[in-house]
PDB file of N, CA and C in Angstrom:
ATOM      1  N   UNK A   1      95.202 122.558  76.533  1.00  0.00           N
ATOM      2  CA  UNK A   1      96.516 121.975  76.659  1.00  0.00           C
ATOM      3  C   UNK A   1      96.622 120.871  75.613  1.00  0.00           C
ATOM      4  N   UNK A   2      97.779 120.760  75.006  1.00  0.00           N
ATOM      5  CA  UNK A   2      98.055 119.716  74.022  1.00  0.00           C
ATOM      6  C   UNK A   2      99.063 118.732  74.599  1.00  0.00           C
ATOM      7  N   UNK A   3      98.738 117.453  74.535  1.00  0.00           N
ATOM      8  CA  UNK A   3      99.654 116.398  74.982  1.00  0.00           C
ATOM      9  C   UNK A   3     100.037 115.569  73.766  1.00  0.00           C
ATOM     10  N   UNK A   4     101.331 115.428  73.529  1.00  0.00           N
ATOM     11  CA  UNK A   4     101.848 114.558  72.478  1.00  0.00           C
ATOM     12  C   UNK A   4     102.286 113.265  73.157  1.00  0.00           C
ATOM     13  N   UNK A   5     101.569 112.184  72.907  1.00  0.00           N
ATOM     14  CA  UNK A   5     101.828 110.922  73.599  1.00  0.00           C
ATOM     15  C   UNK A   5     102.348 109.892  72.607  1.00  0.00           C
ATOM     16  N   UNK A   6     103.285 109.069  73.037  1.00  0.00           N
ATOM     17  CA  UNK A   6     103.934 108.116  72.137  1.00  0.00           C
ATOM     18  C   UNK A   6     103.196 106.783  72.020  1.00  0.00           C
ATOM     19  N   UNK A   7     102.056 106.644  72.648  1.00  0.00           N
ATOM     20  CA  UNK A   7     101.228 105.430  72.572  1.00  0.00           C
ATOM     21  C   UNK A   7     101.862 104.213  73.211  1.00  0.00           C
ATOM     22  N   UNK A   8     102.851 104.399  74.026  1.00  0.00           N
ATOM     23  CA  UNK A   8     103.489 103.249  74.650  1.00  0.00           C
ATOM     24  C   UNK A   8     103.181 103.176  76.129  1.00  0.00           C
ATOM     25  N   UNK A   9     103.064 102.000  76.625  1.00  0.00           N
ATOM     26  CA  UNK A   9     102.923 101.792  78.060  1.00  0.00           C
ATOM     27  C   UNK A   9     101.676 102.404  78.652  1.00  0.00           C
ATOM     28  N   UNK A  10     101.839 103.088  79.771  1.00  0.00           N
ATOM     29  CA  UNK A  10     100.716 103.590  80.554  1.00  0.00           C
ATOM     30  C   UNK A  10      99.907 104.671  79.859  1.00  0.00           C
ATOM     31  N   UNK A  11     100.496 105.399  78.918  1.00  0.00           N
ATOM     32  CA  UNK A  11      99.762 106.490  78.274  1.00  0.00           C
ATOM     33  C   UNK A  11      99.264 106.120  76.876  1.00  0.00           C
ATOM     34  N   UNK A  12      99.065 104.861  76.620  1.00  0.00           N
ATOM     35  CA  UNK A  12      98.618 104.435  75.295  1.00  0.00           C
ATOM     36  C   UNK A  12      97.181 104.894  75.049  1.00  0.00           C
ATOM     37  N   UNK A  13      96.800 104.930  73.795  1.00  0.00           N
ATOM     38  CA  UNK A  13      95.454 105.377  73.426  1.00  0.00           C
ATOM     39  C   UNK A  13      94.379 104.448  73.982  1.00  0.00           C
ATOM     40  N   UNK A  14      94.743 103.237  74.333  1.00  0.00           N
ATOM     41  CA  UNK A  14      93.760 102.274  74.841  1.00  0.00           C
ATOM     42  C   UNK A  14      93.743 102.173  76.362  1.00  0.00           C
ATOM     43  N   UNK A  15      94.620 102.883  77.038  1.00  0.00           N
ATOM     44  CA  UNK A  15      94.700 102.785  78.491  1.00  0.00           C
ATOM     45  C   UNK A  15      93.525 103.499  79.155  1.00  0.00           C
ATOM     46  N   UNK A  16      92.647 102.724  79.723  1.00  0.00           N
ATOM     47  CA  UNK A  16      91.463 103.279  80.382  1.00  0.00           C
ATOM     48  C   UNK A  16      91.854 104.028  81.660  1.00  0.00           C
ATOM     49  N   UNK A  17      92.820 103.512  82.387  1.00  0.00           N
ATOM     50  CA  UNK A  17      93.257 104.158  83.622  1.00  0.00           C
ATOM     51  C   UNK A  17      93.840 105.532  83.299  1.00  0.00           C
ATOM     52  N   UNK A  18      94.657 105.612  82.252  1.00  0.00           N
ATOM     53  CA  UNK A  18      95.273 106.887  81.871  1.00  0.00           C
ATOM     54  C   UNK A  18      94.210 107.913  81.506  1.00  0.00           C
ATOM     55  N   UNK A  19      93.198 107.499  80.751  1.00  0.00           N
ATOM     56  CA  UNK A  19      92.121 108.418  80.359  1.00  0.00           C
ATOM     57  C   UNK A  19      91.378 108.938  81.584  1.00  0.00           C
ATOM     58  N   UNK A  20      91.057 108.040  82.511  1.00  0.00           N
ATOM     59  CA  UNK A  20      90.355 108.461  83.735  1.00  0.00           C
ATOM     60  C   UNK A  20      91.209 109.399  84.572  1.00  0.00           C
ATOM     61  N   UNK A  21      92.477 109.062  84.741  1.00  0.00           N
ATOM     62  CA  UNK A  21      93.373 109.926  85.518  1.00  0.00           C
ATOM     63  C   UNK A  21      93.535 111.291  84.860  1.00  0.00           C
ATOM     64  N   UNK A  22      93.641 111.321  83.541  1.00  0.00           N
ATOM     65  CA  UNK A  22      93.772 112.590  82.821  1.00  0.00           C
ATOM     66  C   UNK A  22      92.531 113.454  83.058  1.00  0.00           C
ATOM     67  N   UNK A  23      91.362 112.852  82.983  1.00  0.00           N
ATOM     68  CA  UNK A  23      90.113 113.585  83.213  1.00  0.00           C
ATOM     69  C   UNK A  23      90.041 114.098  84.643  1.00  0.00           C
ATOM     70  N   UNK A  24      90.257 113.204  85.610  1.00  0.00           N
ATOM     71  CA  UNK A  24      90.057 113.553  87.014  1.00  0.00           C
ATOM     72  C   UNK A  24      91.162 114.430  87.589  1.00  0.00           C
ATOM     73  N   UNK A  25      92.411 114.076  87.304  1.00  0.00           N
ATOM     74  CA  UNK A  25      93.529 114.757  87.958  1.00  0.00           C
ATOM     75  C   UNK A  25      94.035 115.992  87.220  1.00  0.00           C
ATOM     76  N   UNK A  26      93.651 116.128  85.951  1.00  0.00           N
ATOM     77  CA  UNK A  26      94.115 117.289  85.195  1.00  0.00           C
ATOM     78  C   UNK A  26      92.947 118.156  84.741  1.00  0.00           C
ATOM     79  N   UNK A  27      92.064 117.583  83.939  1.00  0.00           N
ATOM     80  CA  UNK A  27      90.957 118.366  83.371  1.00  0.00           C
ATOM     81  C   UNK A  27      90.031 118.900  84.452  1.00  0.00           C
ATOM     82  N   UNK A  28      89.505 118.027  85.286  1.00  0.00           N
ATOM     83  CA  UNK A  28      88.566 118.456  86.328  1.00  0.00           C
ATOM     84  C   UNK A  28      89.224 119.350  87.362  1.00  0.00           C
ATOM     85  N   UNK A  29      90.386 118.949  87.838  1.00  0.00           N
ATOM     86  CA  UNK A  29      91.050 119.683  88.917  1.00  0.00           C
ATOM     87  C   UNK A  29      91.430 121.101  88.499  1.00  0.00           C
ATOM     88  N   UNK A  30      91.873 121.268  87.250  1.00  0.00           N
ATOM     89  CA  UNK A  30      92.364 122.576  86.808  1.00  0.00           C
ATOM     90  C   UNK A  30      91.455 123.245  85.779  1.00  0.00           C
ATOM     91  N   UNK A  31      90.279 122.695  85.569  1.00  0.00           N
ATOM     92  CA  UNK A  31      89.306 123.231  84.601  1.00  0.00           C
ATOM     93  C   UNK A  31      89.948 123.428  83.230  1.00  0.00           C
ATOM     94  N   UNK A  32      90.624 122.388  82.752  1.00  0.00           N
ATOM     95  CA  UNK A  32      91.321 122.451  81.472  1.00  0.00           C
ATOM     96  C   UNK A  32      90.634 121.606  80.417  1.00  0.00           C
ATOM     97  N   UNK A  33      90.753 122.055  79.205  1.00  0.00           N
ATOM     98  CA  UNK A  33      90.381 121.256  78.053  1.00  0.00           C
ATOM     99  C   UNK A  33      91.682 120.707  77.477  1.00  0.00           C
ATOM    100  N   UNK A  34      91.734 119.410  77.266  1.00  0.00           N
ATOM    101  CA  UNK A  34      92.980 118.768  76.829  1.00  0.00           C
ATOM    102  C   UNK A  34      92.758 118.070  75.496  1.00  0.00           C
ATOM    103  N   UNK A  35      93.714 118.259  74.586  1.00  0.00           N
ATOM    104  CA  UNK A  35      93.732 117.514  73.334  1.00  0.00           C
ATOM    105  C   UNK A  35      94.926 116.584  73.388  1.00  0.00           C
ATOM    106  N   UNK A  36      94.695 115.314  73.077  1.00  0.00           N
ATOM    107  CA  UNK A  36      95.771 114.329  73.100  1.00  0.00           C
ATOM    108  C   UNK A  36      96.013 113.832  71.685  1.00  0.00           C
ATOM    109  N   UNK A  37      97.254 113.916  71.248  1.00  0.00           N
ATOM    110  CA  UNK A  37      97.659 113.354  69.958  1.00  0.00           C
ATOM    111  C   UNK A  37      98.532 112.136  70.255  1.00  0.00           C
ATOM    112  N   UNK A  38      98.062 110.970  69.904  1.00  0.00           N
ATOM    113  CA  UNK A  38      98.845 109.752  70.095  1.00  0.00           C
ATOM    114  C   UNK A  38      99.585 109.426  68.799  1.00  0.00           C
ATOM    115  N   UNK A  39     100.885 109.326  68.893  1.00  0.00           N
ATOM    116  CA  UNK A  39     101.675 108.881  67.746  1.00  0.00           C
ATOM    117  C   UNK A  39     101.483 107.383  67.590  1.00  0.00           C
ATOM    118  N   UNK A  40     101.434 106.898  66.352  1.00  0.00           N
ATOM    119  CA  UNK A  40     101.292 105.451  66.165  1.00  0.00           C
ATOM    120  C   UNK A  40     102.509 104.711  66.727  1.00  0.00           C
ATOM    121  N   UNK A  41     102.356 103.435  67.085  1.00  0.00           N
ATOM    122  CA  UNK A  41     103.502 102.672  67.588  1.00  0.00           C
ATOM    123  C   UNK A  41     104.678 102.731  66.608  1.00  0.00           C
ATOM    124  N   UNK A  42     105.859 102.964  67.135  1.00  0.00           N
ATOM    125  CA  UNK A  42     107.061 103.033  66.308  1.00  0.00           C
ATOM    126  C   UNK A  42     107.272 104.372  65.639  1.00  0.00           C
ATOM    127  N   UNK A  43     106.380 105.331  65.866  1.00  0.00           N
ATOM    128  CA  UNK A  43     106.489 106.622  65.187  1.00  0.00           C
ATOM    129  C   UNK A  43     106.820 107.764  66.145  1.00  0.00           C
ATOM    130  N   UNK A  44     107.237 107.448  67.363  1.00  0.00           N
ATOM    131  CA  UNK A  44     107.538 108.521  68.309  1.00  0.00           C
ATOM    132  C   UNK A  44     108.704 109.389  67.829  1.00  0.00           C
ATOM    133  N   UNK A  45     109.448 108.905  66.827  1.00  0.00           N
ATOM    134  CA  UNK A  45     110.545 109.707  66.284  1.00  0.00           C
ATOM    135  C   UNK A  45     110.029 110.998  65.641  1.00  0.00           C
ATOM    136  N   UNK A  46     108.730 111.069  65.333  1.00  0.00           N
ATOM    137  CA  UNK A  46     108.141 112.287  64.776  1.00  0.00           C
ATOM    138  C   UNK A  46     107.795 113.299  65.859  1.00  0.00           C
ATOM    139  N   UNK A  47     107.825 112.883  67.101  1.00  0.00           N
ATOM    140  CA  UNK A  47     107.495 113.767  68.208  1.00  0.00           C
ATOM    141  C   UNK A  47     108.601 114.814  68.347  1.00  0.00           C
ATOM    142  N   UNK A  48     108.251 116.112  68.308  1.00  0.00           N
ATOM    143  CA  UNK A  48     109.284 117.154  68.392  1.00  0.00           C
ATOM    144  C   UNK A  48     110.097 117.103  69.675  1.00  0.00           C
ATOM    145  N   UNK A  49     109.528 116.557  70.743  1.00  0.00           N
ATOM    146  CA  UNK A  49     110.273 116.439  71.997  1.00  0.00           C
ATOM    147  C   UNK A  49     111.490 115.537  71.809  1.00  0.00           C
ATOM    148  N   UNK A  50     111.326 114.482  71.002  1.00  0.00           N
ATOM    149  CA  UNK A  50     112.445 113.577  70.734  1.00  0.00           C
ATOM    150  C   UNK A  50     113.653 114.342  70.190  1.00  0.00           C
ATOM    151  N   UNK A  51     113.408 115.311  69.339  1.00  0.00           N
ATOM    152  CA  UNK A  51     114.497 116.031  68.682  1.00  0.00           C
ATOM    153  C   UNK A  51     114.984 117.228  69.492  1.00  0.00           C
ATOM    154  N   UNK A  52     114.071 117.955  70.099  1.00  0.00           N
ATOM    155  CA  UNK A  52     114.435 119.185  70.796  1.00  0.00           C
ATOM    156  C   UNK A  52     114.942 118.956  72.209  1.00  0.00           C
ATOM    157  N   UNK A  53     114.542 117.867  72.829  1.00  0.00           N
ATOM    158  CA  UNK A  53     114.930 117.629  74.214  1.00  0.00           C
ATOM    159  C   UNK A  53     115.899 116.465  74.361  1.00  0.00           C
ATOM    160  N   UNK A  54     115.479 115.283  73.929  1.00  0.00           N
ATOM    161  CA  UNK A  54     116.283 114.096  74.177  1.00  0.00           C
ATOM    162  C   UNK A  54     117.636 114.148  73.480  1.00  0.00           C
ATOM    163  N   UNK A  55     117.689 114.734  72.303  1.00  0.00           N
ATOM    164  CA  UNK A  55     118.979 114.809  71.609  1.00  0.00           C
ATOM    165  C   UNK A  55     119.953 115.705  72.373  1.00  0.00           C
ATOM    166  N   UNK A  56     119.437 116.782  72.950  1.00  0.00           N
ATOM    167  CA  UNK A  56     120.298 117.681  73.730  1.00  0.00           C
ATOM    168  C   UNK A  56     120.777 117.010  75.010  1.00  0.00           C
ATOM    169  N   UNK A  57     119.907 116.247  75.655  1.00  0.00           N
ATOM    170  CA  UNK A  57     120.309 115.514  76.857  1.00  0.00           C
ATOM    171  C   UNK A  57     121.398 114.507  76.504  1.00  0.00           C
ATOM    172  N   UNK A  58     121.228 113.797  75.396  1.00  0.00           N
ATOM    173  CA  UNK A  58     122.225 112.803  74.970  1.00  0.00           C
ATOM    174  C   UNK A  58     123.564 113.456  74.679  1.00  0.00           C
ATOM    175  N   UNK A  59     123.553 114.612  74.026  1.00  0.00           N
ATOM    176  CA  UNK A  59     124.804 115.323  73.744  1.00  0.00           C
ATOM    177  C   UNK A  59     125.469 115.774  75.037  1.00  0.00           C
ATOM    178  N   UNK A  60     124.673 116.165  76.012  1.00  0.00           N
ATOM    179  CA  UNK A  60     125.211 116.653  77.281  1.00  0.00           C
ATOM    180  C   UNK A  60     125.917 115.537  78.049  1.00  0.00           C
ATOM    181  N   UNK A  61     125.334 114.344  78.113  1.00  0.00           N
ATOM    182  CA  UNK A  61     125.976 113.297  78.909  1.00  0.00           C
ATOM    183  C   UNK A  61     127.005 112.521  78.113  1.00  0.00           C
ATOM    184  N   UNK A  62     127.012 112.615  76.790  1.00  0.00           N
ATOM    185  CA  UNK A  62     128.051 112.089  75.899  1.00  0.00           C
ATOM    186  C   UNK A  62     128.457 110.645  76.196  1.00  0.00           C
ATOM    187  N   UNK A  63     127.482 109.796  76.421  1.00  0.00           N
ATOM    188  CA  UNK A  63     127.769 108.370  76.562  1.00  0.00           C
ATOM    189  C   UNK A  63     128.377 107.948  77.883  1.00  0.00           C
ATOM    190  N   UNK A  64     128.429 108.841  78.868  1.00  0.00           N
ATOM    191  CA  UNK A  64     128.937 108.475  80.185  1.00  0.00           C
ATOM    192  C   UNK A  64     127.965 107.459  80.798  1.00  0.00           C
ATOM    193  N   UNK A  65     128.455 106.378  81.376  1.00  0.00           N
ATOM    194  CA  UNK A  65     127.544 105.397  81.974  1.00  0.00           C
ATOM    195  C   UNK A  65     126.676 106.021  83.077  1.00  0.00           C
ATOM    196  N   UNK A  66     125.391 105.807  82.988  1.00  0.00           N
ATOM    197  CA  UNK A  66     124.461 106.330  83.997  1.00  0.00           C
ATOM    198  C   UNK A  66     124.274 105.236  85.045  1.00  0.00           C
ATOM    199  N   UNK A  67     125.216 105.190  85.966  1.00  0.00           N
ATOM    200  CA  UNK A  67     125.278 104.085  86.922  1.00  0.00           C
ATOM    201  C   UNK A  67     124.308 104.213  88.087  1.00  0.00           C
ATOM    202  N   UNK A  68     123.755 105.415  88.309  1.00  0.00           N
ATOM    203  CA  UNK A  68     122.787 105.593  89.386  1.00  0.00           C
ATOM    204  C   UNK A  68     121.845 106.741  89.037  1.00  0.00           C
ATOM    205  N   UNK A  69     120.790 106.871  89.799  1.00  0.00           N
ATOM    206  CA  UNK A  69     119.791 107.907  89.522  1.00  0.00           C
ATOM    207  C   UNK A  69     120.381 109.312  89.621  1.00  0.00           C
ATOM    208  N   UNK A  70     121.224 109.524  90.610  1.00  0.00           N
ATOM    209  CA  UNK A  70     121.806 110.850  90.822  1.00  0.00           C
ATOM    210  C   UNK A  70     122.596 111.315  89.598  1.00  0.00           C
ATOM    211  N   UNK A  71     123.389 110.427  89.002  1.00  0.00           N
ATOM    212  CA  UNK A  71     124.156 110.765  87.807  1.00  0.00           C
ATOM    213  C   UNK A  71     123.224 111.142  86.661  1.00  0.00           C
ATOM    214  N   UNK A  72     122.189 110.347  86.451  1.00  0.00           N
ATOM    215  CA  UNK A  72     121.234 110.627  85.367  1.00  0.00           C
ATOM    216  C   UNK A  72     120.523 111.955  85.592  1.00  0.00           C
ATOM    217  N   UNK A  73     120.035 112.188  86.792  1.00  0.00           N
ATOM    218  CA  UNK A  73     119.328 113.440  87.107  1.00  0.00           C
ATOM    219  C   UNK A  73     120.254 114.638  86.924  1.00  0.00           C
ATOM    220  N   UNK A  74     121.508 114.519  87.343  1.00  0.00           N
ATOM    221  CA  UNK A  74     122.460 115.633  87.197  1.00  0.00           C
ATOM    222  C   UNK A  74     122.726 115.968  85.736  1.00  0.00           C
ATOM    223  N   UNK A  75     122.912 114.958  84.903  1.00  0.00           N
ATOM    224  CA  UNK A  75     123.135 115.223  83.475  1.00  0.00           C
ATOM    225  C   UNK A  75     121.900 115.817  82.814  1.00  0.00           C
ATOM    226  N   UNK A  76     120.745 115.282  83.135  1.00  0.00           N
ATOM    227  CA  UNK A  76     119.508 115.808  82.551  1.00  0.00           C
ATOM    228  C   UNK A  76     119.288 117.248  83.003  1.00  0.00           C
ATOM    229  N   UNK A  77     119.440 117.515  84.296  1.00  0.00           N
ATOM    230  CA  UNK A  77     119.190 118.850  84.852  1.00  0.00           C
ATOM    231  C   UNK A  77     120.175 119.905  84.377  1.00  0.00           C
ATOM    232  N   UNK A  78     121.355 119.495  83.988  1.00  0.00           N
ATOM    233  CA  UNK A  78     122.350 120.482  83.548  1.00  0.00           C
ATOM    234  C   UNK A  78     122.308 120.715  82.036  1.00  0.00           C
ATOM    235  N   UNK A  79     121.311 120.179  81.363  1.00  0.00           N
ATOM    236  CA  UNK A  79     121.187 120.360  79.916  1.00  0.00           C
ATOM    237  C   UNK A  79     120.619 121.743  79.613  1.00  0.00           C
ATOM    238  N   UNK A  80     121.336 122.494  78.783  1.00  0.00           N
ATOM    239  CA  UNK A  80     120.907 123.817  78.318  1.00  0.00           C
ATOM    240  C   UNK A  80     121.345 123.978  76.873  1.00  0.00           C
ATOM    241  N   UNK A  81     120.637 124.839  76.139  1.00  0.00           N
ATOM    242  CA  UNK A  81     121.027 125.139  74.760  1.00  0.00           C
ATOM    243  C   UNK A  81     121.174 126.648  74.590  1.00  0.00           C
ATOM    244  N   UNK A  82     121.805 127.051  73.507  1.00  0.00           N
ATOM    245  CA  UNK A  82     121.965 128.474  73.212  1.00  0.00           C
ATOM    246  C   UNK A  82     120.620 129.152  72.967  1.00  0.00           C
ATOM    247  N   UNK A  83     119.657 128.385  72.484  1.00  0.00           N
ATOM    248  CA  UNK A  83     118.338 128.971  72.183  1.00  0.00           C
ATOM    249  C   UNK A  83     117.471 129.145  73.433  1.00  0.00           C
ATOM    250  N   UNK A  84     117.961 128.720  74.597  1.00  0.00           N
ATOM    251  CA  UNK A  84     117.249 128.976  75.846  1.00  0.00           C
ATOM    252  C   UNK A  84     116.591 127.780  76.499  1.00  0.00           C
ATOM    253  N   UNK A  85     116.762 126.585  75.929  1.00  0.00           N
ATOM    254  CA  UNK A  85     116.194 125.394  76.553  1.00  0.00           C
ATOM    255  C   UNK A  85     116.925 125.114  77.850  1.00  0.00           C
ATOM    256  N   UNK A  86     116.186 125.001  78.944  1.00  0.00           N
ATOM    257  CA  UNK A  86     116.736 124.626  80.244  1.00  0.00           C
ATOM    258  C   UNK A  86     115.885 123.482  80.763  1.00  0.00           C
ATOM    259  N   UNK A  87     116.513 122.401  81.162  1.00  0.00           N
ATOM    260  CA  UNK A  87     115.801 121.196  81.564  1.00  0.00           C
ATOM    261  C   UNK A  87     115.811 121.069  83.085  1.00  0.00           C
ATOM    262  N   UNK A  88     114.658 120.722  83.637  1.00  0.00           N
ATOM    263  CA  UNK A  88     114.548 120.430  85.067  1.00  0.00           C
ATOM    264  C   UNK A  88     114.206 118.953  85.196  1.00  0.00           C
ATOM    265  N   UNK A  89     114.801 118.297  86.158  1.00  0.00           N
ATOM    266  CA  UNK A  89     114.512 116.880  86.379  1.00  0.00           C
ATOM    267  C   UNK A  89     114.553 116.582  87.868  1.00  0.00           C
ATOM    268  N   UNK A  90     113.618 115.758  88.305  1.00  0.00           N
ATOM    269  CA  UNK A  90     113.604 115.285  89.685  1.00  0.00           C
ATOM    270  C   UNK A  90     113.291 113.798  89.660  1.00  0.00           C
ATOM    271  N   UNK A  91     113.759 113.107  90.650  1.00  0.00           N
ATOM    272  CA  UNK A  91     113.491 111.679  90.763  1.00  0.00           C
ATOM    273  C   UNK A  91     112.124 111.475  91.413  1.00  0.00           C
ATOM    274  N   UNK A  92     111.275 110.741  90.754  1.00  0.00           N
ATOM    275  CA  UNK A  92     109.971 110.397  91.299  1.00  0.00           C
ATOM    276  C   UNK A  92     110.098 109.019  91.931  1.00  0.00           C
ATOM    277  N   UNK A  93     110.130 108.979  93.237  1.00  0.00           N
ATOM    278  CA  UNK A  93     110.308 107.703  93.936  1.00  0.00           C
ATOM    279  C   UNK A  93     108.990 107.181  94.513  1.00  0.00           C
ATOM    280  N   UNK A  94     107.885 107.724  94.016  1.00  0.00           N
ATOM    281  CA  UNK A  94     106.572 107.290  94.487  1.00  0.00           C
ATOM    282  C   UNK A  94     106.310 105.842  94.066  1.00  0.00           C
ATOM    283  N   UNK A  95     105.685 105.084  94.943  1.00  0.00           N
ATOM    284  CA  UNK A  95     105.262 103.723  94.606  1.00  0.00           C
ATOM    285  C   UNK A  95     103.864 103.791  94.011  1.00  0.00           C
ATOM    286  N   UNK A  96     103.700 103.179  92.849  1.00  0.00           N
ATOM    287  CA  UNK A  96     102.420 103.179  92.168  1.00  0.00           C
ATOM    288  C   UNK A  96     101.789 101.797  92.268  1.00  0.00           C
ATOM    289  N   UNK A  97     100.489 101.791  92.508  1.00  0.00           N
ATOM    290  CA  UNK A  97      99.772 100.526  92.575  1.00  0.00           C
ATOM    291  C   UNK A  97      99.606  99.950  91.176  1.00  0.00           C
ATOM    292  N   UNK A  98      99.669  98.644  91.076  1.00  0.00           N
ATOM    293  CA  UNK A  98      99.432  97.975  89.806  1.00  0.00           C
ATOM    294  C   UNK A  98      98.086  97.279  89.857  1.00  0.00           C
ATOM    295  N   UNK A  99      97.590  96.912  88.706  1.00  0.00           N
ATOM    296  CA  UNK A  99      96.342  96.179  88.641  1.00  0.00           C
ATOM    297  C   UNK A  99      95.110  97.045  88.793  1.00  0.00           C
ATOM    298  N   UNK A 100      95.268  98.362  88.687  1.00  0.00           N
ATOM    299  CA  UNK A 100      94.120  99.263  88.785  1.00  0.00           C
ATOM    300  C   UNK A 100      93.211  99.063  87.573  1.00  0.00           C
ATOM    301  N   UNK A 101      91.915  99.025  87.790  1.00  0.00           N
ATOM    302  CA  UNK A 101      90.977  98.829  86.690  1.00  0.00           C
ATOM    303  C   UNK A 101      89.966  99.968  86.647  1.00  0.00           C
ATOM    304  N   UNK A 102      89.375 100.148  85.478  1.00  0.00           N
ATOM    305  CA  UNK A 102      88.355 101.166  85.261  1.00  0.00           C
ATOM    306  C   UNK A 102      87.140 100.465  84.679  1.00  0.00           C
ATOM    307  N   UNK A 103      85.985 100.719  85.265  1.00  0.00           N
ATOM    308  CA  UNK A 103      84.762 100.059  84.806  1.00  0.00           C
ATOM    309  C   UNK A 103      84.221 100.736  83.548  1.00  0.00           C
ATOM    310  N   UNK A 104      83.329 100.037  82.867  1.00  0.00           N
ATOM    311  CA  UNK A 104      82.673 100.605  81.688  1.00  0.00           C
ATOM    312  C   UNK A 104      81.877 101.859  82.075  1.00  0.00           C
ATOM    313  N   UNK A 105      81.276 101.852  83.244  1.00  0.00           N
ATOM    314  CA  UNK A 105      80.503 103.011  83.710  1.00  0.00           C
ATOM    315  C   UNK A 105      81.405 104.228  83.891  1.00  0.00           C
ATOM    316  N   UNK A 106      82.601 104.010  84.432  1.00  0.00           N
ATOM    317  CA  UNK A 106      83.542 105.123  84.602  1.00  0.00           C
ATOM    318  C   UNK A 106      83.976 105.685  83.251  1.00  0.00           C
ATOM    319  N   UNK A 107      84.192 104.824  82.284  1.00  0.00           N
ATOM    320  CA  UNK A 107      84.575 105.265  80.937  1.00  0.00           C
ATOM    321  C   UNK A 107      83.446 106.073  80.303  1.00  0.00           C
ATOM    322  N   UNK A 108      82.215 105.630  80.491  1.00  0.00           N
ATOM    323  CA  UNK A 108      81.067 106.350  79.926  1.00  0.00           C
ATOM    324  C   UNK A 108      80.913 107.745  80.517  1.00  0.00           C
ATOM    325  N   UNK A 109      81.392 107.946  81.732  1.00  0.00           N
ATOM    326  CA  UNK A 109      81.281 109.254  82.386  1.00  0.00           C
ATOM    327  C   UNK A 109      82.335 110.249  81.900  1.00  0.00           C
ATOM    328  N   UNK A 110      83.352 109.764  81.194  1.00  0.00           N
ATOM    329  CA  UNK A 110      84.398 110.668  80.711  1.00  0.00           C
ATOM    330  C   UNK A 110      83.855 111.556  79.608  1.00  0.00           C
ATOM    331  N   UNK A 111      84.372 112.780  79.566  1.00  0.00           N
ATOM    332  CA  UNK A 111      83.972 113.722  78.521  1.00  0.00           C
ATOM    333  C   UNK A 111      84.986 113.663  77.391  1.00  0.00           C
ATOM    334  N   UNK A 112      84.907 112.621  76.589  1.00  0.00           N
ATOM    335  CA  UNK A 112      85.839 112.423  75.478  1.00  0.00           C
ATOM    336  C   UNK A 112      85.121 112.754  74.183  1.00  0.00           C
ATOM    337  N   UNK A 113      85.766 113.580  73.394  1.00  0.00           N
ATOM    338  CA  UNK A 113      85.268 113.911  72.061  1.00  0.00           C
ATOM    339  C   UNK A 113      86.327 113.505  71.060  1.00  0.00           C
ATOM    340  N   UNK A 114      85.982 112.624  70.141  1.00  0.00           N
ATOM    341  CA  UNK A 114      86.940 112.196  69.126  1.00  0.00           C
ATOM    342  C   UNK A 114      86.975 113.214  67.995  1.00  0.00           C
ATOM    343  N   UNK A 115      88.158 113.415  67.435  1.00  0.00           N
ATOM    344  CA  UNK A 115      88.305 114.324  66.305  1.00  0.00           C
ATOM    345  C   UNK A 115      87.798 113.663  65.032  1.00  0.00           C
ATOM    346  N   UNK A 116      87.332 114.488  64.101  1.00  0.00           N
ATOM    347  CA  UNK A 116      86.858 113.956  62.818  1.00  0.00           C
ATOM    348  C   UNK A 116      87.996 113.341  62.023  1.00  0.00           C
ATOM    349  N   UNK A 117      89.177 113.942  62.126  1.00  0.00           N
ATOM    350  CA  UNK A 117      90.357 113.410  61.438  1.00  0.00           C
ATOM    351  C   UNK A 117      91.034 112.427  62.379  1.00  0.00           C
ATOM    352  N   UNK A 118      91.237 111.219  61.946  1.00  0.00           N
ATOM    353  CA  UNK A 118      91.869 110.164  62.740  1.00  0.00           C
ATOM    354  C   UNK A 118      91.197 109.998  64.104  1.00  0.00           C
ATOM    355  N   UNK A 119      89.921 109.659  64.141  1.00  0.00           N
ATOM    356  CA  UNK A 119      89.214 109.582  65.412  1.00  0.00           C
ATOM    357  C   UNK A 119      89.682 108.481  66.338  1.00  0.00           C
ATOM    358  N   UNK A 120      90.340 107.451  65.829  1.00  0.00           N
ATOM    359  CA  UNK A 120      90.809 106.375  66.696  1.00  0.00           C
ATOM    360  C   UNK A 120      92.153 106.692  67.282  1.00  0.00           C
TER     361      UNK A 120
END
């Protein structure tokens, strides 16, 4: 599986919690090998999702004020293109704990292999 990550917030290249969760909740649980490409800060505009998905969502809602979650979810979910893109969206109302930490020992147990090209 390939993940294109924008390096911002919780999924940044330095987020220890994100790396552990990716290993435990995705790789281990589903026996997957995952490659993560982190875009440098300020470069998420190169991410194809920005162009293929977000631009279509923006065209669909056409600047209508998104005054509540239901309005936003409805506009996102009703986005379709002639080429077959259909968007699904649901509201995630789960409460997430903050202040979670990962020890050095937990990081050492991760099966991370850096690529020869741009290893950081």
